[in-house]
Amino acid sequence: MPYGAAKLRAQANMTDKSKSTLRNIQALRAIAALMVIFVHLDGLLRLSGGASFGSGGVDIFFVISGFIMVAITVDGGRSPLSFLVERLARIAPLYWILTLGVFALALAAPSLLAGTKADFVQLLKSLAFVPYERGDGTVRPVLFVGWTLNYEMFFYGLFALGLVLPSRRLGIFAVVAALVVLVVLGLGVGPERPLVYFYTRPAVLEFAAGMLLGLYAGRLPVLAGPLAKGLVLGLALLMAAAVVAGPFVTPNMANAVVCGPAALVLVAAALVLERSGWTVSFRPVLLMGDASYALYLTHPFVVQAATKAAQKLHAESLAPIAILVAVFSCCACAVATHRLIEVPILKLTRRWTTRSAPRHLSSAIRDLKPGLSRGG
């Protein structure tokens, strides 16, 4: 029986054969990346009398990642090695380039970086996606936002093991079960064991939720009338608000517990609207969806520069303007990075990785837009 993700993908392609992108998912990727920017704009937000928000954007990313991994392997026949090679080729190059950039900056001008030191062991661990504890007690790589990629690569490794099983459905359930077991075992693990603690956090369950959504996406309803679609859109907006507000309402609970369920419903609602013919068509939003990975990785550089400039000027009254300029600059930098660096790298790596992919892999899945196929 075909997987739900395959049915959904086929239906999306029937409406526009020139596109192989789920536009609503692209829009969510753009929104999630923009949310993360506001987490790291905390300095400027404090100057303007506000507070940072948007940490739930990561939860949206993780749910989407689980969904997408099911979608891109839906045709079967993908070997674990080819899957891992393609994932590494998609994730690693831009991350490695920017990580080396941060490390070079730490060597040349360490005063510009508060918590990042020019430590070669930490650099190697960062490039290898191995979590480690910094001197300040946080578990973050050289490029600090890369902590989510450590989760992504771990998830890809488990997913690849699931591909070994003869049944794709069995493989999906096996990975879901493994993630649940990890979280249960992690209940008795404290932060004094950072590596084990890191991989047994509830956040990994968001990958599992996304996988199950991908498995059963074809069973999501197709709505006919504008009233029903409007209600689902309202639900999506409510869940988006819950993802934003959750960490403020229950600050002592893990984000995955607070934001994860809302993120899952939000992604599911976006897919229902996609099936029902209501899709985002605003090109700037879709462009930012394509560039969402670049936006996620590059925005700390822009935010840091904008924050330091505002602090030096002591211009609290200009902080709101500085925030707008910073967000626009982050988006502009991301689009430039995506088009000038990320896309050329993807074209080069795809020539090699597609040779290892099964011949019958559907073009609709293989040609996923870069921003969508990242998963994280």
Protein backbone atom coordinates (compact mmCIF):
# COMPACT_ATOMS: atom_id res chain seq x y z
CA MET A 1 0.00 0.00 0.00
CA PRO A 2 1.41 3.42 -0.86
CA TYR A 3 2.44 5.67 2.00
CA GLY A 4 0.40 8.73 2.90
CA ALA A 5 3.28 11.04 1.99
CA ALA A 6 3.34 9.60 -1.52
CA LYS A 7 -0.37 10.20 -1.98
CA LEU A 8 -0.03 13.75 -0.75
CA ARG A 9 2.95 14.40 -3.01
CA ALA A 10 1.12 12.99 -6.04
CA GLN A 11 -1.92 15.14 -5.33
CA ALA A 12 0.24 18.26 -5.02
CA ASN A 13 1.88 17.49 -8.35
CA MET A 14 -1.51 17.08 -10.07
CA THR A 15 -2.32 20.69 -9.35
CA ASP A 16 0.97 22.01 -10.73
CA LYS A 17 3.24 19.56 -12.49
CA SER A 18 6.05 22.10 -12.68
CA LYS A 19 6.33 22.09 -8.90
CA SER A 20 7.41 19.28 -6.61
CA THR A 21 7.21 21.34 -3.44
CA LEU A 22 4.57 21.28 -0.77
CA ARG A 23 4.14 25.02 -0.63
CA ASN A 24 2.55 25.17 2.79
CA ILE A 25 5.45 23.21 4.25
CA GLN A 26 7.82 25.64 2.55
CA ALA A 27 5.96 28.52 4.16
CA LEU A 28 6.22 26.85 7.57
CA ARG A 29 9.95 26.41 7.06
CA ALA A 30 10.26 30.13 6.36
CA ILE A 31 8.19 30.99 9.42
CA ALA A 32 10.18 28.62 11.65
CA ALA A 33 13.50 30.08 10.52
CA LEU A 34 12.23 33.63 11.08
CA MET A 35 11.06 32.63 14.56
CA VAL A 36 14.56 31.45 15.44
CA ILE A 37 15.97 34.84 14.40
CA PHE A 38 13.90 36.51 17.13
CA VAL A 39 15.34 34.13 19.71
CA HIS A 40 18.80 35.52 19.00
CA LEU A 41 17.66 39.12 18.69
CA ASP A 42 17.32 39.14 22.46
CA GLY A 43 19.88 41.95 22.85
CA LEU A 44 18.02 44.32 20.56
CA LEU A 45 14.65 43.25 21.92
CA ARG A 46 15.79 44.08 25.45
CA LEU A 47 16.95 47.51 24.27
CA SER A 48 13.46 48.14 22.94
CA GLY A 49 11.82 46.89 26.14
CA GLY A 50 10.74 43.54 24.72
CA ALA A 51 11.75 39.91 25.21
CA SER A 52 13.03 37.26 22.85
CA PHE A 53 10.63 34.64 21.51
CA GLY A 54 10.38 32.01 18.80
CA SER A 55 12.27 29.02 20.22
CA GLY A 56 9.36 26.84 19.06
CA GLY A 57 10.56 27.31 15.49
CA VAL A 58 12.99 24.44 16.11
CA ASP A 59 10.08 22.20 17.11
CA ILE A 60 8.38 22.94 13.78
CA PHE A 61 11.61 22.08 11.97
CA PHE A 62 11.93 18.73 13.75
CA VAL A 63 8.34 17.69 12.95
CA ILE A 64 8.83 18.67 9.31
CA SER A 65 12.11 16.75 9.22
CA GLY A 66 10.44 13.52 10.32
CA PHE A 67 7.72 14.01 7.71
CA ILE A 68 10.20 14.75 4.90
CA MET A 69 12.39 11.72 5.62
CA VAL A 70 9.37 9.49 5.07
CA ALA A 71 8.47 11.42 1.91
CA ILE A 72 11.88 11.18 0.24
CA THR A 73 12.20 7.45 0.91
CA VAL A 74 8.62 6.60 0.08
CA ASP A 75 9.45 4.71 -3.14
CA GLY A 76 11.61 2.19 -1.31
CA GLY A 77 14.81 0.70 -2.60
CA ARG A 78 16.98 3.36 -0.96
CA SER A 79 20.02 1.82 0.70
CA PRO A 80 21.07 3.09 4.12
CA LEU A 81 24.42 4.21 2.69
CA SER A 82 22.92 6.19 -0.19
CA PHE A 83 20.45 7.81 2.19
CA LEU A 84 23.20 8.89 4.58
CA VAL A 85 25.42 10.13 1.76
CA GLU A 86 22.60 12.26 0.37
CA ARG A 87 21.72 13.64 3.79
CA LEU A 88 25.34 14.46 4.55
CA ALA A 89 25.74 16.13 1.15
CA ARG A 90 22.64 18.20 1.85
CA ILE A 91 23.45 19.24 5.40
CA ALA A 92 27.20 19.32 5.82
CA PRO A 93 28.86 21.57 3.18
CA LEU A 94 27.28 24.90 4.13
CA TYR A 95 27.47 24.06 7.82
CA TRP A 96 31.16 23.13 7.53
CA ILE A 97 31.96 26.34 5.63
CA LEU A 98 30.30 28.54 8.23
CA THR A 99 31.76 26.55 11.13
CA LEU A 100 35.26 27.06 9.73
CA GLY A 101 34.41 30.74 9.34
CA VAL A 102 33.49 31.04 13.02
CA PHE A 103 36.63 29.15 14.00
CA ALA A 104 38.79 31.46 11.88
CA LEU A 105 37.12 34.43 13.57
CA ALA A 106 37.83 32.91 16.98
CA LEU A 107 41.48 32.62 16.01
CA ALA A 108 41.80 36.11 14.53
CA ALA A 109 39.57 38.14 16.85
CA PRO A 110 38.55 36.11 19.93
CA SER A 111 37.17 39.21 21.65
CA LEU A 112 34.27 39.23 19.18
CA LEU A 113 33.07 35.83 20.33
CA ALA A 114 32.06 35.44 23.95
CA GLY A 115 31.53 31.69 24.36
CA THR A 116 33.42 30.25 21.38
CA LYS A 117 37.12 29.46 21.70
CA ALA A 118 39.59 28.39 19.01
CA ASP A 119 39.84 24.80 20.23
CA PHE A 120 40.80 22.29 17.54
CA VAL A 121 39.26 19.34 19.36
CA GLN A 122 35.96 21.19 19.61
CA LEU A 123 36.26 22.09 15.93
CA LEU A 124 36.66 18.44 14.93
CA LYS A 125 33.71 17.41 17.09
CA SER A 126 31.61 20.16 15.55
CA LEU A 127 32.47 19.10 12.01
CA ALA A 128 31.68 15.48 12.91
CA PHE A 129 28.31 16.41 14.49
CA VAL A 130 29.43 15.09 17.89
CA PRO A 131 27.88 16.99 20.84
CA TYR A 132 30.20 18.21 23.57
CA GLU A 133 29.90 20.38 26.62
CA ARG A 134 31.39 23.85 26.49
CA GLY A 135 33.08 25.58 29.38
CA ASP A 136 29.84 27.48 30.08
CA GLY A 137 27.91 24.22 30.55
CA THR A 138 26.00 24.37 27.25
CA VAL A 139 26.13 21.56 24.70
CA ARG A 140 26.74 23.49 21.49
CA PRO A 141 29.17 23.25 18.57
CA VAL A 142 31.46 26.00 17.25
CA LEU A 143 28.58 27.43 15.20
CA PHE A 144 26.18 27.35 18.11
CA VAL A 145 22.94 26.93 16.12
CA GLY A 146 24.39 23.65 14.85
CA TRP A 147 23.15 21.88 17.99
CA THR A 148 19.95 21.11 16.10
CA LEU A 149 22.00 19.51 13.32
CA ASN A 150 23.51 17.14 15.87
CA TYR A 151 19.96 15.97 16.51
CA GLU A 152 19.27 15.80 12.78
CA MET A 153 22.31 13.66 11.99
CA PHE A 154 21.52 11.34 14.90
CA PHE A 155 17.99 10.97 13.57
CA TYR A 156 19.30 10.29 10.06
CA GLY A 157 21.51 7.54 11.46
CA LEU A 158 18.54 5.86 13.15
CA PHE A 159 16.41 6.33 10.05
CA ALA A 160 19.12 4.67 7.93
CA LEU A 161 19.02 1.65 10.25
CA GLY A 162 15.27 1.50 9.67
CA LEU A 163 15.93 1.26 5.93
CA VAL A 164 17.69 -2.07 6.54
CA LEU A 165 14.40 -3.71 7.46
CA PRO A 166 12.51 -5.41 4.60
CA SER A 167 9.30 -3.46 5.14
CA ARG A 168 9.35 0.33 4.97
CA ARG A 169 6.39 0.53 7.31
CA LEU A 170 8.16 -1.75 9.77
CA GLY A 171 11.29 0.39 9.47
CA ILE A 172 9.34 3.55 10.29
CA PHE A 173 7.70 2.00 13.33
CA ALA A 174 11.06 0.62 14.48
CA VAL A 175 12.63 4.09 14.39
CA VAL A 176 9.65 5.60 16.19
CA ALA A 177 9.90 2.90 18.87
CA ALA A 178 13.65 3.47 19.24
CA LEU A 179 13.12 7.20 19.79
CA VAL A 180 10.45 6.54 22.41
CA VAL A 181 12.71 4.07 24.22
CA LEU A 182 15.56 6.58 24.22
CA VAL A 183 13.40 9.21 25.90
CA VAL A 184 12.14 6.72 28.49
CA LEU A 185 15.69 5.62 29.29
CA GLY A 186 16.75 9.25 29.49
CA LEU A 187 14.34 9.95 32.35
CA GLY A 188 16.98 8.76 34.77
CA VAL A 189 19.92 10.50 33.10
CA GLY A 190 21.15 13.87 34.28
CA PRO A 191 23.17 16.59 32.54
CA GLU A 192 26.36 15.26 34.16
CA ARG A 193 26.40 12.78 31.26
CA PRO A 194 25.98 15.32 28.46
CA LEU A 195 26.22 13.00 25.44
CA VAL A 196 23.59 10.54 26.70
CA TYR A 197 21.49 13.34 28.14
CA PHE A 198 21.52 15.21 24.82
CA TYR A 199 20.18 12.33 22.74
CA THR A 200 17.48 11.28 25.19
CA ARG A 201 15.66 14.62 25.41
CA PRO A 202 11.95 14.75 24.48
CA ALA A 203 12.89 16.75 21.36
CA VAL A 204 13.64 13.50 19.51
CA LEU A 205 9.97 12.54 19.78
CA GLU A 206 9.16 15.36 17.36
CA PHE A 207 10.99 13.43 14.63
CA ALA A 208 8.87 10.41 15.49
CA ALA A 209 5.68 12.47 15.31
CA GLY A 210 6.66 13.83 11.91
CA MET A 211 7.38 10.31 10.63
CA LEU A 212 3.96 9.08 11.67
CA LEU A 213 2.39 12.11 10.03
CA GLY A 214 4.23 11.24 6.82
CA LEU A 215 3.07 7.65 7.02
CA TYR A 216 -0.59 8.59 7.35
CA ALA A 217 -0.67 11.90 5.46
CA GLY A 218 -2.75 10.33 2.69
CA ARG A 219 -5.56 9.79 5.17
CA LEU A 220 -5.82 13.46 6.05
CA PRO A 221 -9.16 14.90 4.91
CA VAL A 222 -9.70 16.81 1.68
CA LEU A 223 -11.99 19.72 2.46
CA ALA A 224 -14.52 21.02 -0.05
CA GLY A 225 -16.11 24.20 1.27
CA PRO A 226 -14.45 27.49 2.23
CA LEU A 227 -15.95 27.32 5.74
CA ALA A 228 -14.20 24.04 6.55
CA LYS A 229 -10.94 25.30 5.05
CA GLY A 230 -11.28 28.53 7.00
CA LEU A 231 -11.72 26.60 10.23
CA VAL A 232 -8.57 24.57 9.56
CA LEU A 233 -6.70 27.77 8.73
CA GLY A 234 -7.91 29.21 12.03
CA LEU A 235 -6.68 26.06 13.78
CA ALA A 236 -3.29 26.46 12.11
CA LEU A 237 -3.05 30.08 13.28
CA LEU A 238 -4.06 29.06 16.80
CA MET A 239 -1.37 26.36 16.86
CA ALA A 240 1.22 28.82 15.53
CA ALA A 241 0.31 31.15 18.40
CA ALA A 242 0.61 28.23 20.84
CA VAL A 243 4.09 27.42 19.54
CA VAL A 244 5.14 31.03 20.12
CA ALA A 245 3.43 31.49 23.49
CA GLY A 246 4.09 28.04 24.96
CA PRO A 247 7.58 28.74 26.36
CA PHE A 248 6.26 31.90 28.09
CA VAL A 249 3.28 30.12 29.67
CA THR A 250 5.28 27.14 30.98
CA PRO A 251 8.92 28.28 31.06
CA ASN A 252 10.09 25.36 33.21
CA MET A 253 8.92 22.65 30.82
CA ALA A 254 10.86 21.29 27.87
CA ASN A 255 10.01 22.95 24.56
CA ALA A 256 9.20 19.61 22.98
CA VAL A 257 6.52 19.01 25.61
CA VAL A 258 5.07 22.50 25.35
CA CYS A 259 5.50 23.25 21.63
CA GLY A 260 5.81 19.80 20.08
CA PRO A 261 2.10 18.83 20.02
CA ALA A 262 1.11 22.26 18.69
CA ALA A 263 3.83 22.05 16.02
CA LEU A 264 2.53 18.64 14.95
CA VAL A 265 -1.05 19.91 14.62
CA LEU A 266 0.22 22.99 12.77
CA VAL A 267 2.10 20.90 10.19
CA ALA A 268 -0.87 18.54 9.83
CA ALA A 269 -3.24 21.49 9.29
CA ALA A 270 -0.88 22.88 6.64
CA LEU A 271 -0.99 19.53 4.85
CA VAL A 272 -4.79 19.36 5.04
CA LEU A 273 -4.99 22.79 3.42
CA GLU A 274 -2.48 21.65 0.79
CA ARG A 275 -4.65 18.65 -0.04
CA SER A 276 -7.69 20.90 -0.15
CA GLY A 277 -6.22 23.38 -2.62
CA TRP A 278 -5.36 26.21 -0.26
CA THR A 279 -1.64 26.79 -0.69
CA VAL A 280 0.72 29.67 -0.06
CA SER A 281 1.60 31.36 -3.35
CA PHE A 282 3.35 34.52 -2.14
CA ARG A 283 6.74 34.21 -3.79
CA PRO A 284 8.85 35.98 -1.12
CA VAL A 285 7.59 33.51 1.48
CA LEU A 286 8.36 30.53 -0.77
CA LEU A 287 11.78 32.01 -1.52
CA MET A 288 12.51 32.22 2.18
CA GLY A 289 11.34 28.63 2.48
CA ASP A 290 13.94 27.66 -0.13
CA ALA A 291 16.57 29.67 1.74
CA SER A 292 15.45 28.60 5.22
CA TYR A 293 18.52 26.43 5.88
CA ALA A 294 20.84 29.25 4.86
CA LEU A 295 18.77 31.65 6.98
CA TYR A 296 19.04 29.37 9.99
CA LEU A 297 22.83 29.04 9.70
CA THR A 298 23.78 32.60 8.71
CA HIS A 299 21.47 34.74 10.83
CA PRO A 300 23.71 34.67 13.96
CA PHE A 301 26.41 36.58 12.06
CA VAL A 302 24.01 39.34 11.04
CA VAL A 303 22.26 39.50 14.40
CA GLN A 304 25.57 39.72 16.24
CA ALA A 305 26.76 42.59 14.04
CA ALA A 306 23.46 44.48 14.38
CA THR A 307 23.38 44.04 18.16
CA LYS A 308 26.96 45.23 18.65
CA ALA A 309 26.34 48.26 16.41
CA ALA A 310 23.23 49.26 18.36
CA GLN A 311 24.97 48.81 21.70
CA LYS A 312 27.92 50.96 20.64
CA LEU A 313 25.60 53.72 19.49
CA HIS A 314 23.64 53.56 22.78
CA ALA A 315 20.54 54.18 20.70
CA GLU A 316 17.75 52.52 22.67
CA SER A 317 15.17 54.61 20.83
CA LEU A 318 16.41 53.21 17.51
CA ALA A 319 16.23 49.58 18.67
CA PRO A 320 12.90 48.84 16.90
CA ILE A 321 14.34 50.16 13.63
CA ALA A 322 17.51 48.15 14.23
CA ILE A 323 15.39 45.01 14.68
CA LEU A 324 13.63 45.56 11.35
CA VAL A 325 16.95 46.23 9.62
CA ALA A 326 18.46 43.13 11.21
CA VAL A 327 15.60 40.87 10.11
CA PHE A 328 15.68 42.24 6.56
CA SER A 329 19.47 41.88 6.46
CA CYS A 330 19.24 38.30 7.73
CA CYS A 331 16.80 37.45 4.93
CA ALA A 332 18.91 39.19 2.28
CA CYS A 333 22.06 37.44 3.47
CA ALA A 334 20.26 34.08 3.49
CA VAL A 335 18.95 34.46 -0.06
CA ALA A 336 22.40 35.49 -1.30
CA THR A 337 24.02 32.56 0.52
CA HIS A 338 21.39 30.18 -0.80
CA ARG A 339 21.76 31.25 -4.42
CA LEU A 340 25.51 31.90 -4.57
CA ILE A 341 26.82 29.14 -2.31
CA GLU A 342 24.19 26.58 -1.30
CA VAL A 343 22.57 25.94 -4.69
CA PRO A 344 25.89 25.54 -6.59
CA ILE A 345 27.10 23.11 -3.90
CA LEU A 346 23.84 21.16 -4.11
CA LYS A 347 24.17 20.88 -7.89
CA LEU A 348 27.69 19.53 -7.55
CA THR A 349 26.89 17.04 -4.82
CA ARG A 350 23.68 15.88 -6.51
CA ARG A 351 25.60 14.73 -9.57
CA TRP A 352 27.39 12.29 -7.35
CA THR A 353 24.73 11.33 -4.81
CA THR A 354 22.00 10.64 -7.37
CA ARG A 355 24.21 7.92 -8.88
CA SER A 356 23.76 5.96 -5.67
CA ALA A 357 20.00 6.50 -5.58
CA PRO A 358 17.68 3.84 -7.00
CA ARG A 359 16.71 4.34 -10.62
CA HIS A 360 13.00 4.20 -9.89
CA LEU A 361 13.07 6.96 -7.31
CA SER A 362 10.33 9.31 -8.39
CA SER A 363 11.43 12.63 -9.87
CA ALA A 364 8.89 14.44 -7.69
CA ILE A 365 10.76 13.28 -4.60
CA ARG A 366 14.28 13.56 -6.01
CA ASP A 367 13.71 17.14 -7.16
CA LEU A 368 12.57 18.48 -3.83
CA LYS A 369 13.45 22.13 -3.40
CA PRO A 370 16.61 22.65 -1.32
CA GLY A 371 14.82 24.43 1.48
CA LEU A 372 12.32 21.59 1.82
CA SER A 373 14.70 18.66 1.57
CA ARG A 374 16.91 19.75 4.44
CA GLY A 375 14.53 18.54 7.04
CA GLY A 376 15.85 20.46 10.06
